[in-house]
Amino acid sequence: MKKNFPLQAEGKHPDRVLEAVKHEIRKYFKRERNRAVPKGADFWDFDCKVGLTEDTAEVVRVSAVIEAVDAAAKSGAASVYVEILSKHGVRVIKARDTGSDQEPSEI
């Protein structure tokens, strides 16, 4: 999804417009996560950018998209650009620290 959301609409309260934008973003995430995952992938991952325009959009984490939209609205912007591209992700299992530096205790 690459979309420029207006944050001010004539005849509508700005808070309601902001809530509608956030709802549409959350709905998109949910719809994409419910799609069938391709073979060899474990989950859907997302590349996200948020900014006032497409040129000034900055990369943000999935958990920070809504916060970035809120920040743009609080700054008084007339619109906000949101780019969310889905990709398949593979879980990486981290190796546990075996504690080889410590000696085993005798009982």
PDB file of N, CA and C in Angstrom:
ATOM      1  N   MET A   1       0.863  -1.167   0.000  1.00  0.00           N
ATOM      2  CA  MET A   1       0.000   0.000   0.000  1.00  0.00           C
ATOM      3  C   MET A   1       0.907   1.227   0.000  1.00  0.00           C
ATOM      4  N   LYS A   2       0.703   2.065  -0.957  1.00  0.00           N
ATOM      5  CA  LYS A   2       1.364   3.369  -1.020  1.00  0.00           C
ATOM      6  C   LYS A   2       0.247   4.386  -1.140  1.00  0.00           C
ATOM      7  N   LYS A   3       0.068   5.167  -0.078  1.00  0.00           N
ATOM      8  CA  LYS A   3      -1.085   6.052  -0.083  1.00  0.00           C
ATOM      9  C   LYS A   3      -0.780   7.350   0.658  1.00  0.00           C
ATOM     10  N   ASN A   4      -1.348   8.426   0.149  1.00  0.00           N
ATOM     11  CA  ASN A   4      -1.262   9.731   0.786  1.00  0.00           C
ATOM     12  C   ASN A   4      -2.611   9.992   1.453  1.00  0.00           C
ATOM     13  N   PHE A   5      -2.648   9.975   2.776  1.00  0.00           N
ATOM     14  CA  PHE A   5      -3.888  10.145   3.530  1.00  0.00           C
ATOM     15  C   PHE A   5      -4.088  11.614   3.885  1.00  0.00           C
ATOM     16  N   PRO A   6      -5.233  12.216   3.530  1.00  0.00           N
ATOM     17  CA  PRO A   6      -5.522  13.580   3.993  1.00  0.00           C
ATOM     18  C   PRO A   6      -5.900  13.536   5.472  1.00  0.00           C
ATOM     19  N   LEU A   7      -5.377  14.471   6.230  1.00  0.00           N
ATOM     20  CA  LEU A   7      -5.660  14.523   7.671  1.00  0.00           C
ATOM     21  C   LEU A   7      -6.693  15.584   8.013  1.00  0.00           C
ATOM     22  N   GLN A   8      -7.099  16.362   7.022  1.00  0.00           N
ATOM     23  CA  GLN A   8      -8.111  17.391   7.244  1.00  0.00           C
ATOM     24  C   GLN A   8      -9.164  17.248   6.150  1.00  0.00           C
ATOM     25  N   ALA A   9     -10.409  17.061   6.569  1.00  0.00           N
ATOM     26  CA  ALA A   9     -11.513  16.964   5.618  1.00  0.00           C
ATOM     27  C   ALA A   9     -12.575  17.983   6.013  1.00  0.00           C
ATOM     28  N   GLU A  10     -13.115  18.646   5.031  1.00  0.00           N
ATOM     29  CA  GLU A  10     -14.121  19.663   5.295  1.00  0.00           C
ATOM     30  C   GLU A  10     -15.376  19.014   5.874  1.00  0.00           C
ATOM     31  N   GLY A  11     -15.871  19.568   6.967  1.00  0.00           N
ATOM     32  CA  GLY A  11     -17.086  19.067   7.600  1.00  0.00           C
ATOM     33  C   GLY A  11     -16.856  17.897   8.545  1.00  0.00           C
ATOM     34  N   LYS A  12     -15.600  17.477   8.737  1.00  0.00           N
ATOM     35  CA  LYS A  12     -15.305  16.370   9.645  1.00  0.00           C
ATOM     36  C   LYS A  12     -14.300  16.833  10.691  1.00  0.00           C
ATOM     37  N   HIS A  13     -14.475  16.327  11.895  1.00  0.00           N
ATOM     38  CA  HIS A  13     -13.564  16.658  12.988  1.00  0.00           C
ATOM     39  C   HIS A  13     -12.210  15.997  12.699  1.00  0.00           C
ATOM     40  N   PRO A  14     -11.106  16.723  12.893  1.00  0.00           N
ATOM     41  CA  PRO A  14      -9.782  16.165  12.590  1.00  0.00           C
ATOM     42  C   PRO A  14      -9.461  14.884  13.357  1.00  0.00           C
ATOM     43  N   ASP A  15      -9.981  14.751  14.579  1.00  0.00           N
ATOM     44  CA  ASP A  15      -9.738  13.526  15.348  1.00  0.00           C
ATOM     45  C   ASP A  15     -10.398  12.323  14.698  1.00  0.00           C
ATOM     46  N   ARG A  16     -11.585  12.516  14.137  1.00  0.00           N
ATOM     47  CA  ARG A  16     -12.284  11.405  13.480  1.00  0.00           C
ATOM     48  C   ARG A  16     -11.578  11.005  12.183  1.00  0.00           C
ATOM     49  N   VAL A  17     -11.045  11.995  11.480  1.00  0.00           N
ATOM     50  CA  VAL A  17     -10.302  11.700  10.244  1.00  0.00           C
ATOM     51  C   VAL A  17      -9.041  10.911  10.585  1.00  0.00           C
ATOM     52  N   LEU A  18      -8.344  11.310  11.648  1.00  0.00           N
ATOM     53  CA  LEU A  18      -7.141  10.603  12.083  1.00  0.00           C
ATOM     54  C   LEU A  18      -7.468   9.169  12.489  1.00  0.00           C
ATOM     55  N   GLU A  19      -8.552   8.985  13.228  1.00  0.00           N
ATOM     56  CA  GLU A  19      -8.953   7.636  13.628  1.00  0.00           C
ATOM     57  C   GLU A  19      -9.284   6.770  12.411  1.00  0.00           C
ATOM     58  N   ALA A  20      -9.903   7.353  11.385  1.00  0.00           N
ATOM     59  CA  ALA A  20     -10.222   6.606  10.167  1.00  0.00           C
ATOM     60  C   ALA A  20      -8.949   6.179   9.439  1.00  0.00           C
ATOM     61  N   VAL A  21      -7.938   7.043   9.428  1.00  0.00           N
ATOM     62  CA  VAL A  21      -6.659   6.707   8.794  1.00  0.00           C
ATOM     63  C   VAL A  21      -5.994   5.562   9.540  1.00  0.00           C
ATOM     64  N   LYS A  22      -5.951   5.652  10.866  1.00  0.00           N
ATOM     65  CA  LYS A  22      -5.327   4.598  11.665  1.00  0.00           C
ATOM     66  C   LYS A  22      -6.082   3.278  11.516  1.00  0.00           C
ATOM     67  N   HIS A  23      -7.402   3.355  11.416  1.00  0.00           N
ATOM     68  CA  HIS A  23      -8.205   2.147  11.232  1.00  0.00           C
ATOM     69  C   HIS A  23      -7.881   1.479   9.899  1.00  0.00           C
ATOM     70  N   GLU A  24      -7.740   2.269   8.851  1.00  0.00           N
ATOM     71  CA  GLU A  24      -7.429   1.704   7.543  1.00  0.00           C
ATOM     72  C   GLU A  24      -6.042   1.052   7.530  1.00  0.00           C
ATOM     73  N   ILE A  25      -5.075   1.643   8.229  1.00  0.00           N
ATOM     74  CA  ILE A  25      -3.734   1.059   8.316  1.00  0.00           C
ATOM     75  C   ILE A  25      -3.775  -0.258   9.064  1.00  0.00           C
ATOM     76  N   ARG A  26      -4.458  -0.279  10.203  1.00  0.00           N
ATOM     77  CA  ARG A  26      -4.566  -1.529  10.975  1.00  0.00           C
ATOM     78  C   ARG A  26      -5.289  -2.613  10.182  1.00  0.00           C
ATOM     79  N   LYS A  27      -6.325  -2.213   9.450  1.00  0.00           N
ATOM     80  CA  LYS A  27      -7.086  -3.160   8.634  1.00  0.00           C
ATOM     81  C   LYS A  27      -6.197  -3.755   7.540  1.00  0.00           C
ATOM     82  N   TYR A  28      -5.334  -2.951   6.951  1.00  0.00           N
ATOM     83  CA  TYR A  28      -4.422  -3.439   5.923  1.00  0.00           C
ATOM     84  C   TYR A  28      -3.442  -4.460   6.512  1.00  0.00           C
ATOM     85  N   PHE A  29      -2.861  -4.151   7.682  1.00  0.00           N
ATOM     86  CA  PHE A  29      -1.962  -5.102   8.333  1.00  0.00           C
ATOM     87  C   PHE A  29      -2.675  -6.423   8.599  1.00  0.00           C
ATOM     88  N   LYS A  30      -3.879  -6.367   9.124  1.00  0.00           N
ATOM     89  CA  LYS A  30      -4.626  -7.582   9.444  1.00  0.00           C
ATOM     90  C   LYS A  30      -4.931  -8.385   8.182  1.00  0.00           C
ATOM     91  N   ARG A  31      -5.361  -7.712   7.124  1.00  0.00           N
ATOM     92  CA  ARG A  31      -5.683  -8.386   5.871  1.00  0.00           C
ATOM     93  C   ARG A  31      -4.448  -9.082   5.289  1.00  0.00           C
ATOM     94  N   GLU A  32      -3.305  -8.413   5.331  1.00  0.00           N
ATOM     95  CA  GLU A  32      -2.082  -8.993   4.786  1.00  0.00           C
ATOM     96  C   GLU A  32      -1.592 -10.170   5.635  1.00  0.00           C
ATOM     97  N   ARG A  33      -1.722 -10.058   6.953  1.00  0.00           N
ATOM     98  CA  ARG A  33      -1.270 -11.154   7.820  1.00  0.00           C
ATOM     99  C   ARG A  33      -2.145 -12.390   7.696  1.00  0.00           C
ATOM    100  N   ASN A  34      -3.401 -12.227   7.281  1.00  0.00           N
ATOM    101  CA  ASN A  34      -4.304 -13.369   7.141  1.00  0.00           C
ATOM    102  C   ASN A  34      -4.152 -14.097   5.810  1.00  0.00           C
ATOM    103  N   ARG A  35      -3.381 -13.553   4.889  1.00  0.00           N
ATOM    104  CA  ARG A  35      -3.135 -14.238   3.617  1.00  0.00           C
ATOM    105  C   ARG A  35      -2.315 -15.493   3.851  1.00  0.00           C
ATOM    106  N   ALA A  36      -2.405 -16.438   2.940  1.00  0.00           N
ATOM    107  CA  ALA A  36      -1.613 -17.666   3.035  1.00  0.00           C
ATOM    108  C   ALA A  36      -0.133 -17.321   2.863  1.00  0.00           C
ATOM    109  N   VAL A  37       0.692 -17.889   3.739  1.00  0.00           N
ATOM    110  CA  VAL A  37       2.124 -17.637   3.700  1.00  0.00           C
ATOM    111  C   VAL A  37       2.745 -18.540   2.634  1.00  0.00           C
ATOM    112  N   PRO A  38       3.646 -18.023   1.786  1.00  0.00           N
ATOM    113  CA  PRO A  38       4.261 -18.853   0.753  1.00  0.00           C
ATOM    114  C   PRO A  38       5.078 -19.987   1.348  1.00  0.00           C
ATOM    115  N   LYS A  39       5.270 -21.016   0.568  1.00  0.00           N
ATOM    116  CA  LYS A  39       6.057 -22.169   1.019  1.00  0.00           C
ATOM    117  C   LYS A  39       7.489 -21.717   1.301  1.00  0.00           C
ATOM    118  N   GLY A  40       8.022 -22.130   2.425  1.00  0.00           N
ATOM    119  CA  GLY A  40       9.371 -21.754   2.817  1.00  0.00           C
ATOM    120  C   GLY A  40       9.435 -20.504   3.688  1.00  0.00           C
ATOM    121  N   ALA A  41       8.299 -19.856   3.899  1.00  0.00           N
ATOM    122  CA  ALA A  41       8.251 -18.662   4.743  1.00  0.00           C
ATOM    123  C   ALA A  41       7.479 -18.987   6.016  1.00  0.00           C
ATOM    124  N   ASP A  42       7.757 -18.230   7.075  1.00  0.00           N
ATOM    125  CA  ASP A  42       7.108 -18.471   8.359  1.00  0.00           C
ATOM    126  C   ASP A  42       6.033 -17.440   8.688  1.00  0.00           C
ATOM    127  N   PHE A  43       6.176 -16.225   8.177  1.00  0.00           N
ATOM    128  CA  PHE A  43       5.238 -15.159   8.529  1.00  0.00           C
ATOM    129  C   PHE A  43       5.339 -14.057   7.482  1.00  0.00           C
ATOM    130  N   TRP A  44       4.430 -13.092   7.570  1.00  0.00           N
ATOM    131  CA  TRP A  44       4.479 -11.907   6.717  1.00  0.00           C
ATOM    132  C   TRP A  44       5.224 -10.813   7.461  1.00  0.00           C
ATOM    133  N   ASP A  45       6.176 -10.202   6.807  1.00  0.00           N
ATOM    134  CA  ASP A  45       6.925  -9.090   7.349  1.00  0.00           C
ATOM    135  C   ASP A  45       6.594  -7.857   6.507  1.00  0.00           C
ATOM    136  N   PHE A  46       6.890  -6.677   7.003  1.00  0.00           N
ATOM    137  CA  PHE A  46       6.516  -5.453   6.307  1.00  0.00           C
ATOM    138  C   PHE A  46       7.668  -4.456   6.280  1.00  0.00           C
ATOM    139  N   ASP A  47       7.823  -3.790   5.139  1.00  0.00           N
ATOM    140  CA  ASP A  47       8.718  -2.644   5.013  1.00  0.00           C
ATOM    141  C   ASP A  47       7.824  -1.416   5.067  1.00  0.00           C
ATOM    142  N   CYS A  48       8.065  -0.525   6.016  1.00  0.00           N
ATOM    143  CA  CYS A  48       7.179   0.623   6.232  1.00  0.00           C
ATOM    144  C   CYS A  48       7.942   1.935   6.141  1.00  0.00           C
ATOM    145  N   LYS A  49       7.292   2.916   5.533  1.00  0.00           N
ATOM    146  CA  LYS A  49       7.800   4.283   5.476  1.00  0.00           C
ATOM    147  C   LYS A  49       6.647   5.223   5.780  1.00  0.00           C
ATOM    148  N   VAL A  50       6.943   6.279   6.544  1.00  0.00           N
ATOM    149  CA  VAL A  50       5.927   7.281   6.869  1.00  0.00           C
ATOM    150  C   VAL A  50       6.584   8.655   6.783  1.00  0.00           C
ATOM    151  N   GLY A  51       5.859   9.607   6.196  1.00  0.00           N
ATOM    152  CA  GLY A  51       6.361  10.970   6.102  1.00  0.00           C
ATOM    153  C   GLY A  51       5.285  11.906   5.599  1.00  0.00           C
ATOM    154  N   LEU A  52       5.627  13.162   5.484  1.00  0.00           N
ATOM    155  CA  LEU A  52       4.667  14.142   4.986  1.00  0.00           C
ATOM    156  C   LEU A  52       4.480  14.008   3.482  1.00  0.00           C
ATOM    157  N   THR A  53       5.553  13.612   2.770  1.00  0.00           N
ATOM    158  CA  THR A  53       5.474  13.351   1.334  1.00  0.00           C
ATOM    159  C   THR A  53       6.237  12.070   1.035  1.00  0.00           C
ATOM    160  N   GLU A  54       6.115  11.601  -0.195  1.00  0.00           N
ATOM    161  CA  GLU A  54       6.816  10.374  -0.580  1.00  0.00           C
ATOM    162  C   GLU A  54       8.333  10.569  -0.523  1.00  0.00           C
ATOM    163  N   ASP A  55       8.796  11.766  -0.864  1.00  0.00           N
ATOM    164  CA  ASP A  55      10.235  12.036  -0.878  1.00  0.00           C
ATOM    165  C   ASP A  55      10.824  12.147   0.517  1.00  0.00           C
ATOM    166  N   THR A  56      10.045  12.610   1.474  1.00  0.00           N
ATOM    167  CA  THR A  56      10.565  12.805   2.830  1.00  0.00           C
ATOM    168  C   THR A  56      10.206  11.656   3.775  1.00  0.00           C
ATOM    169  N   ALA A  57       9.598  10.601   3.250  1.00  0.00           N
ATOM    170  CA  ALA A  57       9.194   9.477   4.099  1.00  0.00           C
ATOM    171  C   ALA A  57      10.422   8.770   4.652  1.00  0.00           C
ATOM    172  N   GLU A  58      10.330   8.420   5.926  1.00  0.00           N
ATOM    173  CA  GLU A  58      11.419   7.731   6.604  1.00  0.00           C
ATOM    174  C   GLU A  58      11.000   6.317   6.951  1.00  0.00           C
ATOM    175  N   VAL A  59      11.959   5.416   6.985  1.00  0.00           N
ATOM    176  CA  VAL A  59      11.700   4.022   7.319  1.00  0.00           C
ATOM    177  C   VAL A  59      11.367   3.930   8.807  1.00  0.00           C
ATOM    178  N   VAL A  60      10.280   3.224   9.120  1.00  0.00           N
ATOM    179  CA  VAL A  60       9.882   3.010  10.509  1.00  0.00           C
ATOM    180  C   VAL A  60       9.539   1.542  10.700  1.00  0.00           C
ATOM    181  N   ARG A  61       9.572   1.105  11.943  1.00  0.00           N
ATOM    182  CA  ARG A  61       9.179  -0.269  12.262  1.00  0.00           C
ATOM    183  C   ARG A  61       7.665  -0.379  12.209  1.00  0.00           C
ATOM    184  N   VAL A  62       7.175  -1.606  12.098  1.00  0.00           N
ATOM    185  CA  VAL A  62       5.734  -1.842  12.026  1.00  0.00           C
ATOM    186  C   VAL A  62       5.045  -1.281  13.262  1.00  0.00           C
ATOM    187  N   SER A  63       5.650  -1.462  14.418  1.00  0.00           N
ATOM    188  CA  SER A  63       5.037  -1.001  15.664  1.00  0.00           C
ATOM    189  C   SER A  63       5.018   0.520  15.793  1.00  0.00           C
ATOM    190  N   ALA A  64       5.776   1.227  14.954  1.00  0.00           N
ATOM    191  CA  ALA A  64       5.865   2.676  15.064  1.00  0.00           C
ATOM    192  C   ALA A  64       5.101   3.417  13.969  1.00  0.00           C
ATOM    193  N   VAL A  65       4.393   2.698  13.104  1.00  0.00           N
ATOM    194  CA  VAL A  65       3.673   3.350  12.007  1.00  0.00           C
ATOM    195  C   VAL A  65       2.577   4.261  12.552  1.00  0.00           C
ATOM    196  N   ILE A  66       1.760   3.754  13.463  1.00  0.00           N
ATOM    197  CA  ILE A  66       0.661   4.533  14.020  1.00  0.00           C
ATOM    198  C   ILE A  66       1.193   5.748  14.789  1.00  0.00           C
ATOM    199  N   GLU A  67       2.280   5.558  15.524  1.00  0.00           N
ATOM    200  CA  GLU A  67       2.882   6.667  16.273  1.00  0.00           C
ATOM    201  C   GLU A  67       3.391   7.745  15.320  1.00  0.00           C
ATOM    202  N   ALA A  68       3.960   7.345  14.184  1.00  0.00           N
ATOM    203  CA  ALA A  68       4.462   8.317  13.211  1.00  0.00           C
ATOM    204  C   ALA A  68       3.314   9.097  12.575  1.00  0.00           C
ATOM    205  N   VAL A  69       2.192   8.422  12.324  1.00  0.00           N
ATOM    206  CA  VAL A  69       1.013   9.110  11.779  1.00  0.00           C
ATOM    207  C   VAL A  69       0.477  10.100  12.817  1.00  0.00           C
ATOM    208  N   ASP A  70       0.435   9.693  14.079  1.00  0.00           N
ATOM    209  CA  ASP A  70       0.021  10.607  15.154  1.00  0.00           C
ATOM    210  C   ASP A  70       0.920  11.830  15.228  1.00  0.00           C
ATOM    211  N   ALA A  71       2.222  11.617  15.117  1.00  0.00           N
ATOM    212  CA  ALA A  71       3.170  12.730  15.179  1.00  0.00           C
ATOM    213  C   ALA A  71       2.953  13.699  14.023  1.00  0.00           C
ATOM    214  N   ALA A  72       2.680  13.165  12.839  1.00  0.00           N
ATOM    215  CA  ALA A  72       2.419  14.025  11.684  1.00  0.00           C
ATOM    216  C   ALA A  72       1.144  14.838  11.889  1.00  0.00           C
ATOM    217  N   ALA A  73       0.125  14.211  12.471  1.00  0.00           N
ATOM    218  CA  ALA A  73      -1.136  14.910  12.718  1.00  0.00           C
ATOM    219  C   ALA A  73      -0.950  16.003  13.765  1.00  0.00           C
ATOM    220  N   LYS A  74      -0.152  15.740  14.790  1.00  0.00           N
ATOM    221  CA  LYS A  74       0.075  16.730  15.842  1.00  0.00           C
ATOM    222  C   LYS A  74       0.891  17.916  15.339  1.00  0.00           C
ATOM    223  N   SER A  75       1.689  17.679  14.303  1.00  0.00           N
ATOM    224  CA  SER A  75       2.481  18.774  13.749  1.00  0.00           C
ATOM    225  C   SER A  75       1.644  19.703  12.875  1.00  0.00           C
ATOM    226  N   GLY A  76       0.388  19.319  12.627  1.00  0.00           N
ATOM    227  CA  GLY A  76      -0.509  20.170  11.858  1.00  0.00           C
ATOM    228  C   GLY A  76      -0.450  19.941  10.360  1.00  0.00           C
ATOM    229  N   ALA A  77       0.069  18.802   9.948  1.00  0.00           N
ATOM    230  CA  ALA A  77       0.188  18.502   8.525  1.00  0.00           C
ATOM    231  C   ALA A  77      -1.192  18.300   7.900  1.00  0.00           C
ATOM    232  N   ALA A  78      -1.308  18.654   6.629  1.00  0.00           N
ATOM    233  CA  ALA A  78      -2.574  18.483   5.923  1.00  0.00           C
ATOM    234  C   ALA A  78      -2.751  17.056   5.444  1.00  0.00           C
ATOM    235  N   SER A  79      -1.627  16.333   5.237  1.00  0.00           N
ATOM    236  CA  SER A  79      -1.705  14.944   4.798  1.00  0.00           C
ATOM    237  C   SER A  79      -0.459  14.203   5.255  1.00  0.00           C
ATOM    238  N   VAL A  80      -0.535  12.889   5.207  1.00  0.00           N
ATOM    239  CA  VAL A  80       0.599  12.043   5.581  1.00  0.00           C
ATOM    240  C   VAL A  80       0.713  10.927   4.554  1.00  0.00           C
ATOM    241  N   TYR A  81       1.956  10.616   4.171  1.00  0.00           N
ATOM    242  CA  TYR A  81       2.224   9.543   3.212  1.00  0.00           C
ATOM    243  C   TYR A  81       2.609   8.291   3.982  1.00  0.00           C
ATOM    244  N   VAL A  82       1.957   7.169   3.662  1.00  0.00           N
ATOM    245  CA  VAL A  82       2.246   5.887   4.306  1.00  0.00           C
ATOM    246  C   VAL A  82       2.513   4.862   3.219  1.00  0.00           C
ATOM    247  N   GLU A  83       3.629   4.164   3.355  1.00  0.00           N
ATOM    248  CA  GLU A  83       3.992   3.097   2.422  1.00  0.00           C
ATOM    249  C   GLU A  83       4.224   1.831   3.231  1.00  0.00           C
ATOM    250  N   ILE A  84       3.456   0.790   2.926  1.00  0.00           N
ATOM    251  CA  ILE A  84       3.597  -0.493   3.606  1.00  0.00           C
ATOM    252  C   ILE A  84       3.678  -1.562   2.533  1.00  0.00           C
ATOM    253  N   LEU A  85       4.818  -2.235   2.459  1.00  0.00           N
ATOM    254  CA  LEU A  85       5.019  -3.292   1.480  1.00  0.00           C
ATOM    255  C   LEU A  85       5.229  -4.602   2.223  1.00  0.00           C
ATOM    256  N   SER A  86       4.433  -5.605   1.887  1.00  0.00           N
ATOM    257  CA  SER A  86       4.544  -6.885   2.579  1.00  0.00           C
ATOM    258  C   SER A  86       5.582  -7.767   1.891  1.00  0.00           C
ATOM    259  N   LYS A  87       6.255  -8.560   2.699  1.00  0.00           N
ATOM    260  CA  LYS A  87       7.234  -9.523   2.210  1.00  0.00           C
ATOM    261  C   LYS A  87       7.194 -10.724   3.137  1.00  0.00           C
ATOM    262  N   HIS A  88       7.631 -11.861   2.644  1.00  0.00           N
ATOM    263  CA  HIS A  88       7.609 -13.032   3.511  1.00  0.00           C
ATOM    264  C   HIS A  88       8.880 -13.059   4.355  1.00  0.00           C
ATOM    265  N   GLY A  89       8.722 -13.522   5.582  1.00  0.00           N
ATOM    266  CA  GLY A  89       9.833 -13.568   6.518  1.00  0.00           C
ATOM    267  C   GLY A  89      10.084 -14.979   7.008  1.00  0.00           C
ATOM    268  N   VAL A  90      11.328 -15.244   7.352  1.00  0.00           N
ATOM    269  CA  VAL A  90      11.731 -16.544   7.872  1.00  0.00           C
ATOM    270  C   VAL A  90      12.286 -16.329   9.269  1.00  0.00           C
ATOM    271  N   ARG A  91      11.813 -17.112  10.207  1.00  0.00           N
ATOM    272  CA  ARG A  91      12.283 -16.981  11.584  1.00  0.00           C
ATOM    273  C   ARG A  91      13.740 -17.418  11.692  1.00  0.00           C
ATOM    274  N   VAL A  92      14.505 -16.629  12.430  1.00  0.00           N
ATOM    275  CA  VAL A  92      15.901 -16.943  12.677  1.00  0.00           C
ATOM    276  C   VAL A  92      16.016 -17.318  14.141  1.00  0.00           C
ATOM    277  N   ILE A  93      16.464 -18.523  14.392  1.00  0.00           N
ATOM    278  CA  ILE A  93      16.590 -18.997  15.770  1.00  0.00           C
ATOM    279  C   ILE A  93      17.956 -18.574  16.289  1.00  0.00           C
ATOM    280  N   LYS A  94      17.934 -17.848  17.395  1.00  0.00           N
ATOM    281  CA  LYS A  94      19.177 -17.378  17.994  1.00  0.00           C
ATOM    282  C   LYS A  94      19.785 -18.496  18.819  1.00  0.00           C
ATOM    283  N   ALA A  95      21.084 -18.637  18.752  1.00  0.00           N
ATOM    284  CA  ALA A  95      21.782 -19.652  19.534  1.00  0.00           C
ATOM    285  C   ALA A  95      21.803 -19.215  20.988  1.00  0.00           C
ATOM    286  N   ARG A  96      21.484 -20.133  21.863  1.00  0.00           N
ATOM    287  CA  ARG A  96      21.507 -19.822  23.294  1.00  0.00           C
ATOM    288  C   ARG A  96      22.929 -19.852  23.814  1.00  0.00           C
ATOM    289  N   ASP A  97      23.200 -19.000  24.779  1.00  0.00           N
ATOM    290  CA  ASP A  97      24.508 -18.981  25.418  1.00  0.00           C
ATOM    291  C   ASP A  97      24.585 -20.187  26.353  1.00  0.00           C
ATOM    292  N   THR A  98      25.537 -21.059  26.104  1.00  0.00           N
ATOM    293  CA  THR A  98      25.653 -22.282  26.900  1.00  0.00           C
ATOM    294  C   THR A  98      26.366 -22.048  28.211  1.00  0.00           C
ATOM    295  N   GLY A  99      26.925 -20.877  28.397  1.00  0.00           N
ATOM    296  CA  GLY A  99      27.606 -20.581  29.654  1.00  0.00           C
ATOM    297  C   GLY A  99      28.918 -21.323  29.759  1.00  0.00           C
ATOM    298  N   SER A 100      29.665 -21.443  28.690  1.00  0.00           N
ATOM    299  CA  SER A 100      30.919 -22.200  28.668  1.00  0.00           C
ATOM    300  C   SER A 100      31.994 -21.551  29.541  1.00  0.00           C
ATOM    301  N   ASP A 101      31.803 -20.294  29.911  1.00  0.00           N
ATOM    302  CA  ASP A 101      32.781 -19.612  30.752  1.00  0.00           C
ATOM    303  C   ASP A 101      32.701 -20.082  32.203  1.00  0.00           C
ATOM    304  N   GLN A 102      31.557 -20.627  32.595  1.00  0.00           N
ATOM    305  CA  GLN A 102      31.355 -21.030  33.967  1.00  0.00           C
ATOM    306  C   GLN A 102      31.667 -22.515  34.111  1.00  0.00           C
ATOM    307  N   GLU A 103      32.228 -22.838  35.256  1.00  0.00           N
ATOM    308  CA  GLU A 103      32.510 -24.243  35.537  1.00  0.00           C
ATOM    309  C   GLU A 103      31.287 -24.883  36.143  1.00  0.00           C
ATOM    310  N   PRO A 104      31.033 -26.148  35.832  1.00  0.00           N
ATOM    311  CA  PRO A 104      29.860 -26.825  36.423  1.00  0.00           C
ATOM    312  C   PRO A 104      30.073 -27.020  37.925  1.00  0.00           C
ATOM    313  N   SER A 105      29.031 -26.830  38.667  1.00  0.00           N
ATOM    314  CA  SER A 105      29.118 -26.993  40.118  1.00  0.00           C
ATOM    315  C   SER A 105      28.894 -28.443  40.479  1.00  0.00           C
ATOM    316  N   GLU A 106      29.628 -28.901  41.470  1.00  0.00           N
ATOM    317  CA  GLU A 106      29.504 -30.291  41.922  1.00  0.00           C
ATOM    318  C   GLU A 106      28.537 -30.361  43.087  1.00  0.00           C
ATOM    319  N   ILE A 107      27.775 -31.409  43.118  1.00  0.00           N
ATOM    320  CA  ILE A 107      26.795 -31.586  44.194  1.00  0.00           C
ATOM    321  C   ILE A 107      27.247 -32.651  45.129  1.00  0.00           C
TER     322      ILE A 107
END
